[in-house]
């Protein structure tokens, strides 16, 4: 299995973390997304959307979209609840991450890290919506250890990717104690060095 990804992308790291946690063998192919690496004719044959991560399986099948990838890779593992309702709750967080968290928290980070903008130049609506998402996480994590109860799941993988780097997008988590606790526990679970 080959994972085509940008190691600065939280979406790409989700797939790496799941493979590492589950000891799934893979080769990491670094893609220079800023330099157009995901827009080459060769890459577009793998993924016509021109996005990373993209997984190329040994049998020639390919799969894109980070949450679809991790859902497939971990389908029979401890990262995916066996209980149907708990699995649906996990999926709800995966959808929420892509629709209500990533477009704000990750986009603010993109503007600061990739485009070099200062926090003062960020779109105030993006920042506001990012804090709305972080506040939602705080409420949820104030009620349970992880996002789907007491067990770490793919929901935690998906939300950890950009939440642990929220400070790089200008977000201050000082009032998000439950989120900070969850970040530390999730990083420890996945054996990640703490985000700086």
N, C-alpha and C. Protein backbone atom coordinates (compact mmCIF):
# COMPACT_ATOMS: atom_id res chain seq x y z
N UNK A 1 0.85 -1.18 0.00
CA UNK A 1 0.00 0.00 0.00
C UNK A 1 0.89 1.24 0.00
N UNK A 2 0.53 2.19 -0.83
CA UNK A 2 1.23 3.47 -0.89
C UNK A 2 0.28 4.57 -0.45
N UNK A 3 0.75 5.43 0.42
CA UNK A 3 -0.04 6.59 0.83
C UNK A 3 0.64 7.82 0.24
N UNK A 4 -0.07 8.50 -0.63
CA UNK A 4 0.41 9.76 -1.20
C UNK A 4 -0.11 10.88 -0.30
N UNK A 5 0.81 11.62 0.28
CA UNK A 5 0.37 12.65 1.20
C UNK A 5 1.38 13.76 1.39
N UNK A 6 0.93 14.80 2.04
CA UNK A 6 1.74 15.96 2.43
C UNK A 6 1.87 15.87 3.95
N UNK A 7 3.07 15.69 4.45
CA UNK A 7 3.26 15.46 5.88
C UNK A 7 2.94 16.68 6.74
N UNK A 8 2.65 17.82 6.13
CA UNK A 8 2.20 19.00 6.87
C UNK A 8 0.67 19.06 6.96
N UNK A 9 0.00 18.12 6.32
CA UNK A 9 -1.47 18.12 6.27
C UNK A 9 -2.04 17.19 7.33
N UNK A 10 -2.90 17.74 8.18
CA UNK A 10 -3.58 16.91 9.17
C UNK A 10 -4.41 15.82 8.52
N UNK A 11 -5.04 16.12 7.40
CA UNK A 11 -5.84 15.11 6.72
C UNK A 11 -4.98 13.93 6.29
N UNK A 12 -3.77 14.19 5.83
CA UNK A 12 -2.88 13.11 5.42
C UNK A 12 -2.36 12.33 6.62
N UNK A 13 -2.07 13.05 7.70
CA UNK A 13 -1.54 12.38 8.89
C UNK A 13 -2.54 11.42 9.50
N UNK A 14 -3.83 11.67 9.32
CA UNK A 14 -4.83 10.73 9.83
C UNK A 14 -4.54 9.32 9.31
N UNK A 15 -4.31 9.19 8.02
CA UNK A 15 -4.06 7.87 7.42
C UNK A 15 -2.77 7.27 7.97
N UNK A 16 -1.75 8.08 8.10
CA UNK A 16 -0.47 7.60 8.65
C UNK A 16 -0.65 7.10 10.08
N UNK A 17 -1.33 7.89 10.91
CA UNK A 17 -1.53 7.50 12.30
C UNK A 17 -2.28 6.19 12.42
N UNK A 18 -3.33 6.01 11.62
CA UNK A 18 -4.11 4.77 11.67
C UNK A 18 -3.24 3.60 11.26
N UNK A 19 -2.48 3.74 10.19
CA UNK A 19 -1.59 2.65 9.76
C UNK A 19 -0.55 2.34 10.83
N UNK A 20 0.03 3.37 11.41
CA UNK A 20 1.04 3.15 12.44
C UNK A 20 0.43 2.45 13.66
N UNK A 21 -0.74 2.92 14.09
CA UNK A 21 -1.39 2.33 15.26
C UNK A 21 -1.74 0.86 15.02
N UNK A 22 -2.21 0.55 13.83
CA UNK A 22 -2.64 -0.81 13.51
C UNK A 22 -1.54 -1.67 12.92
N UNK A 23 -0.33 -1.11 12.82
CA UNK A 23 0.83 -1.81 12.25
C UNK A 23 0.54 -2.31 10.84
N UNK A 24 -0.12 -1.47 10.05
CA UNK A 24 -0.38 -1.81 8.65
C UNK A 24 0.81 -1.35 7.81
N UNK A 25 1.37 -2.23 7.00
CA UNK A 25 2.54 -1.84 6.20
C UNK A 25 2.15 -0.88 5.08
N UNK A 26 2.97 0.15 4.88
CA UNK A 26 2.70 1.12 3.83
C UNK A 26 4.00 1.83 3.46
N UNK A 27 3.99 2.42 2.28
CA UNK A 27 5.06 3.33 1.85
C UNK A 27 4.45 4.71 1.78
N UNK A 28 5.14 5.68 2.35
CA UNK A 28 4.69 7.07 2.31
C UNK A 28 5.33 7.76 1.13
N UNK A 29 4.53 8.32 0.25
CA UNK A 29 5.02 9.06 -0.91
C UNK A 29 4.69 10.53 -0.66
N UNK A 30 5.72 11.32 -0.39
CA UNK A 30 5.51 12.74 -0.09
C UNK A 30 5.13 13.48 -1.37
N UNK A 31 4.07 14.26 -1.29
CA UNK A 31 3.57 15.02 -2.44
C UNK A 31 3.70 16.51 -2.12
N UNK A 32 4.37 17.23 -2.99
CA UNK A 32 4.54 18.68 -2.81
C UNK A 32 3.29 19.37 -3.34
N UNK A 33 2.31 19.53 -2.46
CA UNK A 33 1.04 20.10 -2.90
C UNK A 33 1.18 21.58 -3.27
N UNK A 34 2.04 22.31 -2.55
CA UNK A 34 2.24 23.72 -2.89
C UNK A 34 2.89 23.87 -4.26
N UNK A 35 3.72 22.89 -4.62
CA UNK A 35 4.41 22.94 -5.90
C UNK A 35 3.66 22.27 -7.04
N UNK A 36 2.39 21.91 -6.81
CA UNK A 36 1.58 21.31 -7.87
C UNK A 36 1.70 19.81 -7.99
N UNK A 37 2.29 19.15 -7.00
CA UNK A 37 2.48 17.71 -7.08
C UNK A 37 1.21 16.89 -7.15
N UNK A 38 0.11 17.45 -6.66
CA UNK A 38 -1.16 16.72 -6.74
C UNK A 38 -1.94 17.06 -7.99
N UNK A 39 -1.33 17.81 -8.89
CA UNK A 39 -2.01 18.21 -10.14
C UNK A 39 -1.31 17.66 -11.38
N UNK A 40 -0.31 16.80 -11.18
CA UNK A 40 0.39 16.24 -12.32
C UNK A 40 -0.50 15.20 -13.01
N UNK A 41 -0.28 14.94 -14.29
CA UNK A 41 -1.07 13.90 -14.97
C UNK A 41 -0.97 12.55 -14.27
N UNK A 42 0.22 12.22 -13.75
CA UNK A 42 0.41 10.93 -13.08
C UNK A 42 -0.44 10.84 -11.81
N UNK A 43 -0.44 11.93 -11.04
CA UNK A 43 -1.22 11.91 -9.80
C UNK A 43 -2.72 11.91 -10.11
N UNK A 44 -3.13 12.67 -11.10
CA UNK A 44 -4.56 12.74 -11.44
C UNK A 44 -5.11 11.41 -11.94
N UNK A 45 -4.23 10.52 -12.41
CA UNK A 45 -4.67 9.16 -12.76
C UNK A 45 -5.05 8.39 -11.49
N UNK A 46 -4.36 8.66 -10.38
CA UNK A 46 -4.67 8.02 -9.11
C UNK A 46 -5.91 8.63 -8.46
N UNK A 47 -5.99 9.95 -8.54
CA UNK A 47 -7.08 10.68 -7.91
C UNK A 47 -7.46 11.87 -8.78
N UNK A 48 -8.53 11.75 -9.55
CA UNK A 48 -8.91 12.83 -10.46
C UNK A 48 -9.30 14.12 -9.75
N UNK A 49 -9.53 14.05 -8.42
CA UNK A 49 -9.83 15.27 -7.66
C UNK A 49 -8.56 16.06 -7.35
N UNK A 50 -7.40 15.43 -7.52
CA UNK A 50 -6.14 16.13 -7.29
C UNK A 50 -5.92 16.49 -5.83
N UNK A 51 -6.31 15.59 -4.92
CA UNK A 51 -6.18 15.86 -3.49
C UNK A 51 -5.39 14.76 -2.79
N UNK A 52 -4.75 15.17 -1.71
CA UNK A 52 -4.12 14.20 -0.82
C UNK A 52 -4.89 14.21 0.49
N UNK A 53 -4.92 13.08 1.18
CA UNK A 53 -4.23 11.83 0.89
C UNK A 53 -4.95 11.01 -0.17
N UNK A 54 -4.18 10.18 -0.82
CA UNK A 54 -4.69 9.17 -1.73
C UNK A 54 -3.95 7.88 -1.42
N UNK A 55 -4.68 6.79 -1.32
CA UNK A 55 -4.06 5.50 -1.07
C UNK A 55 -4.15 4.66 -2.34
N UNK A 56 -3.02 4.06 -2.70
CA UNK A 56 -2.93 3.17 -3.85
C UNK A 56 -2.66 1.77 -3.29
N UNK A 57 -3.67 0.90 -3.38
CA UNK A 57 -3.54 -0.44 -2.83
C UNK A 57 -2.80 -1.35 -3.81
N UNK A 58 -2.28 -2.46 -3.28
CA UNK A 58 -1.48 -3.37 -4.09
C UNK A 58 -2.24 -3.93 -5.28
N UNK A 59 -3.57 -4.02 -5.16
CA UNK A 59 -4.37 -4.60 -6.25
C UNK A 59 -4.76 -3.57 -7.30
N UNK A 60 -4.25 -2.32 -7.16
CA UNK A 60 -4.51 -1.29 -8.15
C UNK A 60 -5.68 -0.38 -7.82
N UNK A 61 -6.47 -0.72 -6.80
CA UNK A 61 -7.54 0.17 -6.41
C UNK A 61 -6.97 1.38 -5.67
N UNK A 62 -7.66 2.51 -5.80
CA UNK A 62 -7.25 3.71 -5.08
C UNK A 62 -8.43 4.24 -4.28
N UNK A 63 -8.09 4.98 -3.23
CA UNK A 63 -9.12 5.56 -2.37
C UNK A 63 -8.65 6.94 -1.93
N UNK A 64 -9.57 7.90 -1.97
CA UNK A 64 -9.28 9.27 -1.54
C UNK A 64 -10.25 9.66 -0.44
N UNK A 65 -10.05 10.86 0.08
CA UNK A 65 -10.81 11.45 1.18
C UNK A 65 -10.38 10.82 2.51
N UNK A 66 -9.77 11.64 3.34
CA UNK A 66 -9.13 11.15 4.56
C UNK A 66 -10.04 10.31 5.44
N UNK A 67 -11.25 10.75 5.67
CA UNK A 67 -12.11 10.00 6.58
C UNK A 67 -12.62 8.70 5.96
N UNK A 68 -12.80 8.68 4.65
CA UNK A 68 -13.14 7.42 3.99
C UNK A 68 -11.96 6.45 4.08
N UNK A 69 -10.75 6.98 3.92
CA UNK A 69 -9.55 6.14 4.00
C UNK A 69 -9.42 5.52 5.39
N UNK A 70 -9.50 6.34 6.43
CA UNK A 70 -9.31 5.77 7.77
C UNK A 70 -10.46 4.84 8.15
N UNK A 71 -11.65 5.15 7.67
CA UNK A 71 -12.81 4.28 7.94
C UNK A 71 -12.57 2.90 7.32
N UNK A 72 -12.01 2.87 6.11
CA UNK A 72 -11.73 1.60 5.44
C UNK A 72 -10.58 0.86 6.12
N UNK A 73 -9.49 1.56 6.39
CA UNK A 73 -8.31 0.92 6.97
C UNK A 73 -8.60 0.31 8.34
N UNK A 74 -9.45 0.96 9.12
CA UNK A 74 -9.69 0.53 10.50
C UNK A 74 -11.01 -0.21 10.68
N UNK A 75 -11.61 -0.67 9.60
CA UNK A 75 -12.98 -1.20 9.64
C UNK A 75 -13.15 -2.36 10.62
N UNK A 76 -12.14 -3.17 10.83
CA UNK A 76 -12.28 -4.33 11.72
C UNK A 76 -11.38 -4.20 12.95
N UNK A 77 -11.07 -2.97 13.33
CA UNK A 77 -10.10 -2.77 14.41
C UNK A 77 -10.76 -2.19 15.66
N UNK A 78 -9.94 -1.99 16.68
CA UNK A 78 -10.42 -1.38 17.91
C UNK A 78 -10.74 0.11 17.74
N UNK A 79 -10.40 0.69 16.61
CA UNK A 79 -10.68 2.11 16.37
C UNK A 79 -12.11 2.34 15.84
N UNK A 80 -12.79 1.27 15.49
CA UNK A 80 -14.16 1.37 14.96
C UNK A 80 -15.09 0.59 15.89
N UNK A 81 -16.01 1.27 16.56
CA UNK A 81 -16.90 0.57 17.50
C UNK A 81 -17.68 -0.55 16.83
N UNK A 82 -17.86 -1.64 17.56
CA UNK A 82 -18.65 -2.77 17.04
C UNK A 82 -20.14 -2.50 17.18
N UNK A 83 -20.52 -1.76 18.21
CA UNK A 83 -21.93 -1.42 18.42
C UNK A 83 -22.39 -0.48 17.30
N UNK A 84 -23.50 -0.81 16.68
CA UNK A 84 -23.95 -0.06 15.50
C UNK A 84 -24.23 1.40 15.83
N UNK A 85 -24.83 1.68 16.98
CA UNK A 85 -25.13 3.07 17.30
C UNK A 85 -23.86 3.84 17.61
N UNK A 86 -22.94 3.23 18.34
CA UNK A 86 -21.65 3.89 18.62
C UNK A 86 -20.90 4.16 17.32
N UNK A 87 -20.96 3.22 16.37
CA UNK A 87 -20.32 3.42 15.07
C UNK A 87 -20.96 4.58 14.32
N UNK A 88 -22.28 4.69 14.43
CA UNK A 88 -22.97 5.81 13.78
C UNK A 88 -22.58 7.13 14.43
N UNK A 89 -22.43 7.14 15.76
CA UNK A 89 -21.98 8.36 16.45
C UNK A 89 -20.57 8.74 15.98
N UNK A 90 -19.72 7.75 15.81
CA UNK A 90 -18.38 8.01 15.29
C UNK A 90 -18.46 8.63 13.89
N UNK A 91 -19.30 8.04 13.05
CA UNK A 91 -19.46 8.58 11.69
C UNK A 91 -19.99 10.01 11.72
N UNK A 92 -20.90 10.29 12.66
CA UNK A 92 -21.42 11.66 12.77
C UNK A 92 -20.28 12.64 13.05
N UNK A 93 -19.35 12.26 13.92
CA UNK A 93 -18.19 13.12 14.19
C UNK A 93 -17.31 13.26 12.95
N UNK A 94 -17.15 12.18 12.18
CA UNK A 94 -16.34 12.25 10.96
C UNK A 94 -16.94 13.24 9.97
N UNK A 95 -18.26 13.21 9.81
CA UNK A 95 -18.92 14.16 8.91
C UNK A 95 -18.80 15.58 9.47
N UNK A 96 -19.01 15.71 10.77
CA UNK A 96 -18.95 17.03 11.41
C UNK A 96 -17.56 17.64 11.26
N UNK A 97 -16.55 16.80 11.40
CA UNK A 97 -15.17 17.29 11.27
C UNK A 97 -14.94 17.94 9.91
N UNK A 98 -15.41 17.30 8.87
CA UNK A 98 -15.18 17.84 7.52
C UNK A 98 -16.07 19.02 7.18
N UNK A 99 -17.22 19.13 7.84
CA UNK A 99 -18.16 20.19 7.50
C UNK A 99 -18.17 21.37 8.46
N UNK A 100 -17.82 21.14 9.72
CA UNK A 100 -17.97 22.20 10.72
C UNK A 100 -16.71 22.53 11.50
N UNK A 101 -15.65 21.80 11.28
CA UNK A 101 -14.39 22.03 12.00
C UNK A 101 -13.26 22.36 11.02
N UNK A 102 -12.95 21.42 10.16
CA UNK A 102 -11.83 21.57 9.22
C UNK A 102 -11.93 22.83 8.35
N UNK A 103 -13.12 23.20 7.86
CA UNK A 103 -13.19 24.39 7.00
C UNK A 103 -12.83 25.69 7.71
N UNK A 104 -12.75 25.66 9.02
CA UNK A 104 -12.45 26.88 9.78
C UNK A 104 -11.11 26.77 10.50
N UNK A 105 -10.95 25.75 11.33
CA UNK A 105 -9.70 25.60 12.08
C UNK A 105 -8.53 25.33 11.13
N UNK A 106 -8.70 24.38 10.22
CA UNK A 106 -7.61 24.05 9.31
C UNK A 106 -7.37 25.15 8.28
N UNK A 107 -8.43 25.82 7.84
CA UNK A 107 -8.26 26.88 6.84
C UNK A 107 -7.52 28.07 7.44
N UNK A 108 -7.83 28.40 8.69
CA UNK A 108 -7.06 29.48 9.34
C UNK A 108 -5.59 29.09 9.45
N UNK A 109 -5.33 27.83 9.80
CA UNK A 109 -3.94 27.36 9.86
C UNK A 109 -3.29 27.45 8.49
N UNK A 110 -4.00 27.06 7.45
CA UNK A 110 -3.46 27.13 6.09
C UNK A 110 -3.04 28.57 5.76
N UNK A 111 -3.89 29.52 6.09
CA UNK A 111 -3.58 30.92 5.78
C UNK A 111 -2.34 31.40 6.53
N UNK A 112 -2.17 30.95 7.76
CA UNK A 112 -1.02 31.40 8.54
C UNK A 112 0.25 30.61 8.19
N UNK A 113 0.16 29.28 8.13
CA UNK A 113 1.34 28.45 7.93
C UNK A 113 1.79 28.43 6.47
N UNK A 114 0.85 28.24 5.55
CA UNK A 114 1.21 28.10 4.14
C UNK A 114 1.29 29.45 3.42
N UNK A 115 0.40 30.36 3.76
CA UNK A 115 0.36 31.64 3.05
C UNK A 115 1.08 32.76 3.81
N UNK A 116 1.49 32.48 5.05
CA UNK A 116 2.26 33.44 5.81
C UNK A 116 1.50 34.65 6.33
N UNK A 117 0.18 34.54 6.43
CA UNK A 117 -0.61 35.67 6.92
C UNK A 117 -0.52 35.76 8.45
N UNK A 118 -0.55 36.96 9.00
CA UNK A 118 -0.65 37.08 10.46
C UNK A 118 -2.08 36.81 10.90
N UNK A 119 -2.24 36.47 12.18
CA UNK A 119 -3.57 36.19 12.70
C UNK A 119 -4.51 37.38 12.49
N UNK A 120 -3.97 38.58 12.54
CA UNK A 120 -4.80 39.77 12.38
C UNK A 120 -5.40 39.90 10.99
N UNK A 121 -4.85 39.17 10.01
CA UNK A 121 -5.35 39.24 8.63
C UNK A 121 -6.37 38.15 8.31
N UNK A 122 -6.66 37.28 9.28
CA UNK A 122 -7.62 36.20 9.03
C UNK A 122 -9.03 36.75 8.92
N UNK A 123 -9.84 36.09 8.10
CA UNK A 123 -11.25 36.43 7.98
C UNK A 123 -11.92 36.22 9.34
N UNK A 124 -12.49 37.27 9.93
CA UNK A 124 -13.11 37.14 11.26
C UNK A 124 -14.20 36.07 11.32
N UNK A 125 -14.90 35.86 10.22
CA UNK A 125 -15.95 34.83 10.22
C UNK A 125 -15.34 33.44 10.33
N UNK A 126 -14.19 33.21 9.67
CA UNK A 126 -13.52 31.91 9.80
C UNK A 126 -13.09 31.68 11.24
N UNK A 127 -12.54 32.71 11.86
CA UNK A 127 -12.09 32.60 13.24
C UNK A 127 -13.29 32.33 14.17
N UNK A 128 -14.36 33.08 13.98
CA UNK A 128 -15.55 32.89 14.81
C UNK A 128 -16.08 31.47 14.68
N UNK A 129 -16.19 30.99 13.44
CA UNK A 129 -16.71 29.64 13.22
C UNK A 129 -15.74 28.58 13.77
N UNK A 130 -14.44 28.86 13.72
CA UNK A 130 -13.48 27.95 14.33
C UNK A 130 -13.69 27.83 15.82
N UNK A 131 -13.93 28.96 16.48
CA UNK A 131 -14.19 28.91 17.92
C UNK A 131 -15.52 28.23 18.24
N UNK A 132 -16.51 28.39 17.37
CA UNK A 132 -17.77 27.67 17.55
C UNK A 132 -17.50 26.16 17.56
N UNK A 133 -16.68 25.69 16.63
CA UNK A 133 -16.34 24.26 16.56
C UNK A 133 -15.55 23.83 17.80
N UNK A 134 -14.59 24.62 18.21
CA UNK A 134 -13.79 24.27 19.39
C UNK A 134 -14.65 24.27 20.65
N UNK A 135 -15.60 25.19 20.74
CA UNK A 135 -16.52 25.21 21.88
C UNK A 135 -17.40 23.96 21.89
N UNK A 136 -17.82 23.51 20.71
CA UNK A 136 -18.62 22.29 20.61
C UNK A 136 -17.80 21.09 21.10
N UNK A 137 -16.55 21.02 20.69
CA UNK A 137 -15.68 19.95 21.17
C UNK A 137 -15.53 20.01 22.69
N UNK A 138 -15.35 21.21 23.21
CA UNK A 138 -15.19 21.37 24.66
C UNK A 138 -16.40 20.82 25.40
N UNK A 139 -17.59 21.14 24.93
CA UNK A 139 -18.80 20.63 25.58
C UNK A 139 -18.86 19.10 25.52
N UNK A 140 -18.57 18.55 24.36
CA UNK A 140 -18.63 17.09 24.22
C UNK A 140 -17.59 16.40 25.10
N UNK A 141 -16.39 16.94 25.12
CA UNK A 141 -15.31 16.30 25.87
C UNK A 141 -15.39 16.59 27.36
N UNK A 142 -16.24 17.52 27.74
CA UNK A 142 -16.52 17.72 29.14
C UNK A 142 -17.44 16.64 29.70
N UNK A 143 -18.05 15.86 28.79
CA UNK A 143 -19.01 14.83 29.20
C UNK A 143 -18.46 13.41 29.08
N UNK A 144 -17.40 13.22 28.29
CA UNK A 144 -16.82 11.89 28.14
C UNK A 144 -15.34 12.01 27.82
N UNK A 145 -14.62 10.95 28.09
CA UNK A 145 -13.16 10.96 27.90
C UNK A 145 -12.78 11.18 26.44
N UNK A 146 -13.46 10.45 25.56
CA UNK A 146 -13.22 10.58 24.13
C UNK A 146 -14.54 10.95 23.45
N UNK A 147 -14.51 11.12 22.15
CA UNK A 147 -15.69 11.64 21.46
C UNK A 147 -16.84 10.65 21.39
N UNK A 148 -16.52 9.35 21.43
CA UNK A 148 -17.59 8.34 21.44
C UNK A 148 -17.44 7.55 22.74
N UNK A 149 -17.63 8.23 23.84
CA UNK A 149 -17.58 7.57 25.14
C UNK A 149 -16.18 7.44 25.70
N UNK A 150 -15.89 6.29 26.28
CA UNK A 150 -14.63 6.09 27.01
C UNK A 150 -13.56 5.43 26.16
N UNK A 151 -13.86 5.08 24.92
CA UNK A 151 -12.89 4.41 24.06
C UNK A 151 -12.45 5.31 22.92
N UNK A 152 -11.16 5.34 22.66
CA UNK A 152 -10.58 6.09 21.55
C UNK A 152 -11.08 5.48 20.24
N UNK A 153 -11.49 6.33 19.29
CA UNK A 153 -12.01 5.84 18.00
C UNK A 153 -11.50 6.72 16.86
N UNK A 154 -11.94 6.38 15.67
CA UNK A 154 -11.59 7.18 14.50
C UNK A 154 -12.09 8.61 14.60
N UNK A 155 -13.15 8.82 15.37
CA UNK A 155 -13.63 10.19 15.59
C UNK A 155 -12.52 11.03 16.22
N UNK A 156 -11.81 10.43 17.18
CA UNK A 156 -10.72 11.14 17.84
C UNK A 156 -9.54 11.36 16.89
N UNK A 157 -9.24 10.37 16.07
CA UNK A 157 -8.18 10.54 15.07
C UNK A 157 -8.51 11.73 14.17
N UNK A 158 -9.72 11.75 13.65
CA UNK A 158 -10.12 12.78 12.69
C UNK A 158 -10.06 14.18 13.31
N UNK A 159 -10.58 14.32 14.52
CA UNK A 159 -10.61 15.65 15.15
C UNK A 159 -9.27 16.06 15.72
N UNK A 160 -8.44 15.11 16.08
CA UNK A 160 -7.12 15.43 16.63
C UNK A 160 -6.24 16.12 15.59
N UNK A 161 -6.36 15.71 14.34
CA UNK A 161 -5.43 16.15 13.30
C UNK A 161 -5.24 17.66 13.27
N UNK A 162 -6.32 18.41 13.27
CA UNK A 162 -6.18 19.87 13.22
C UNK A 162 -6.41 20.56 14.55
N UNK A 163 -7.10 19.90 15.49
CA UNK A 163 -7.32 20.53 16.78
C UNK A 163 -5.99 20.69 17.51
N UNK A 164 -5.11 19.69 17.43
CA UNK A 164 -3.82 19.77 18.12
C UNK A 164 -2.94 20.88 17.54
N UNK A 165 -3.26 21.35 16.33
CA UNK A 165 -2.50 22.40 15.67
C UNK A 165 -3.29 23.71 15.58
N UNK A 166 -4.36 23.80 16.35
CA UNK A 166 -5.22 24.99 16.27
C UNK A 166 -4.45 26.27 16.55
N UNK A 167 -3.45 26.19 17.44
CA UNK A 167 -2.65 27.38 17.75
C UNK A 167 -1.92 27.92 16.52
N UNK A 168 -1.61 27.03 15.57
CA UNK A 168 -0.94 27.46 14.34
C UNK A 168 -1.90 28.23 13.43
N UNK A 169 -3.18 28.17 13.74
CA UNK A 169 -4.19 28.94 13.02
C UNK A 169 -4.67 30.14 13.81
N UNK A 170 -3.96 30.46 14.87
CA UNK A 170 -4.30 31.63 15.67
C UNK A 170 -5.30 31.38 16.78
N UNK A 171 -5.68 30.13 17.02
CA UNK A 171 -6.67 29.82 18.06
C UNK A 171 -5.98 29.59 19.40
N UNK A 172 -6.56 30.17 20.43
CA UNK A 172 -6.05 30.03 21.79
C UNK A 172 -6.97 29.07 22.54
N UNK A 173 -6.42 27.96 23.01
CA UNK A 173 -7.21 26.94 23.68
C UNK A 173 -7.19 27.09 25.20
N UNK A 174 -6.82 28.26 25.70
CA UNK A 174 -6.70 28.44 27.14
C UNK A 174 -8.01 28.16 27.87
N UNK A 175 -9.15 28.47 27.27
CA UNK A 175 -10.44 28.23 27.93
C UNK A 175 -11.04 26.87 27.54
N UNK A 176 -10.26 26.05 26.88
CA UNK A 176 -10.74 24.74 26.43
C UNK A 176 -9.98 23.63 27.17
N UNK A 177 -10.18 23.56 28.48
CA UNK A 177 -9.45 22.59 29.29
C UNK A 177 -9.73 21.15 28.93
N UNK A 178 -10.98 20.83 28.64
CA UNK A 178 -11.32 19.45 28.27
C UNK A 178 -10.67 19.09 26.93
N UNK A 179 -10.63 20.04 26.00
CA UNK A 179 -9.99 19.79 24.71
C UNK A 179 -8.49 19.57 24.90
N UNK A 180 -7.85 20.38 25.74
CA UNK A 180 -6.41 20.22 25.98
C UNK A 180 -6.12 18.87 26.63
N UNK A 181 -6.96 18.45 27.58
CA UNK A 181 -6.79 17.14 28.21
C UNK A 181 -6.92 16.03 27.17
N UNK A 182 -7.94 16.15 26.32
CA UNK A 182 -8.18 15.14 25.27
C UNK A 182 -7.04 15.09 24.26
N UNK A 183 -6.51 16.25 23.88
CA UNK A 183 -5.36 16.27 22.95
C UNK A 183 -4.21 15.48 23.55
N UNK A 184 -3.88 15.75 24.81
CA UNK A 184 -2.76 15.05 25.45
C UNK A 184 -3.01 13.55 25.52
N UNK A 185 -4.21 13.14 25.89
CA UNK A 185 -4.52 11.72 25.99
C UNK A 185 -4.52 11.05 24.61
N UNK A 186 -5.02 11.76 23.62
CA UNK A 186 -5.07 11.20 22.26
C UNK A 186 -3.67 11.07 21.68
N UNK A 187 -2.83 12.09 21.88
CA UNK A 187 -1.44 12.00 21.42
C UNK A 187 -0.73 10.83 22.10
N UNK A 188 -0.97 10.64 23.39
CA UNK A 188 -0.35 9.52 24.10
C UNK A 188 -0.85 8.18 23.57
N UNK A 189 -2.15 8.10 23.29
CA UNK A 189 -2.73 6.85 22.76
C UNK A 189 -2.07 6.48 21.44
N UNK A 190 -1.87 7.47 20.58
CA UNK A 190 -1.28 7.23 19.26
C UNK A 190 0.25 7.28 19.26
N UNK A 191 0.83 7.51 20.46
CA UNK A 191 2.28 7.59 20.61
C UNK A 191 2.89 8.70 19.74
N UNK A 192 2.21 9.86 19.74
CA UNK A 192 2.69 11.03 18.99
C UNK A 192 3.43 11.95 19.93
N UNK A 193 4.46 12.61 19.41
CA UNK A 193 5.09 13.67 20.17
C UNK A 193 4.08 14.80 20.31
N UNK A 194 4.01 15.44 21.48
CA UNK A 194 3.05 16.55 21.63
C UNK A 194 3.27 17.63 20.59
N UNK A 195 2.17 18.18 20.08
CA UNK A 195 2.26 19.29 19.12
C UNK A 195 2.83 20.50 19.84
N UNK A 196 3.65 21.24 19.16
CA UNK A 196 4.26 22.44 19.77
C UNK A 196 3.58 23.67 19.25
